[in-house]
Amino acid sequence: MGRRLRGILCRDVRLLILVVGETFELCFCRNFSVVVAILCFVDRFLTHCVCSDVRKIKPLLDHLEALQKLTNYFALDLSHETLIEAMARLSPNYKYVRCYGLWGTFDDGLKWAEKIPGPRFFFSLGSIFGNDFFESAVERLRPWAEAMRPADRMLLGMDATKNVDEIWDSYHDKDGLFEKFMRNGLVHSNRVLGQCWYKAEDWDVLGILETDPVMHRFVFRALREVVCRPLGLEFAAGDEIDCYEAFKYGPETMRKQYDRTGLKEIATWKAPSGRICKSVLMPVPEMNAPNQLSLTDMLSVNSRPVPTPHEHERGGCCEQFLKNCFSEGALLQQREPTS
């Protein structure tokens, strides 16, 4: 029951986040033509960091399927339930797009990505990368930037709103989903630690909005003395636990992060409201590296004939290859391609 409840709350929070930015997020995802053209230039392996709600990525996969573009899509998530649900939702729809769930952490995903041959396209659609204090955000993005090969690309999204009313409303819905989600996390910690150290009546949950940098965070504030013996922690009344920080960096700040990590922005889209920004990134070419393809070059029509699904199977992304790349417990295959 606990795992099922966590899955339901996690899903509801994700849907709430998506609805808040739905006007631009889904419009952008449904009009991925420019990004699709970039993907069509060469065969690529798509790696989606934290797949969460697949409504964001599905329009792109649908578009690639319609173009009969043979694609291997890897969805990375720490939630096994989320991956199972995502694969079940995607599996009946595709003949040319092969979908796989990768069950693991960001560190796992980075190690697995190194085993994928050929050009790769990484997706961070939900303010995953860049969403931290500036120096910490740079350090989290840097390993992925360093792992990118010259032909790799990344699509990175960030919530850039500075409107304090919109920010507050995003995290304080009438049903209190965020608070339920976070409190359930501490309830789960009781099971993990084997002791009921967390009791709801001992803690208040507060939202805090800060302006430098612009961010919203939740805190658990102790209402009385609380002791967590398994971890050797003692909380006095008034002590706080930071939880769920959400930063709102604009394009200028994000470009500074890209510069610090060796990434170059080659295309960007911004919502009319200025809330959501999406950027296509590439690794900065080394001094002696071959000339990089320009955005104009990448948008050229790919005139190569489309291979058949049988040729796609022989082309390297076969079952044995995948088993060699990923542990059986980590890889969740969608199914055989439809006939």
Foldseek 3Di string as FASTA:
>chain_A
DLLVVLVVLLLVLLVLLCVLVVVPQLVCQLVVLLVLLLCQQDAAEEEEEACRDVSNNVNSVLVCQVVLNQYEYEYEHQRPVRQVVVLQVPQVPHQRYWYKYFHDDPVVVLLLVLLDDDEYEYEAARQPQPWDPLVVSLVVCQSVLVSHDQSYKYKHKAFADPPPVSVVCSCCPPVNSNVVSVLSVVVVVCVVLVHPQDDPVQWDKDWDADVVPTKIWIKTFGCAWTADVSVRDIDHGGDIDIGDIGTRHAPVSVVVSCVSNQKDWQDKDADPNRGMIITMIGGHDDPPDPDHDHSVRSSDDRPDDNDDSVVVCVVQPHPVNVVVSDPPVGMGTSDRRDD
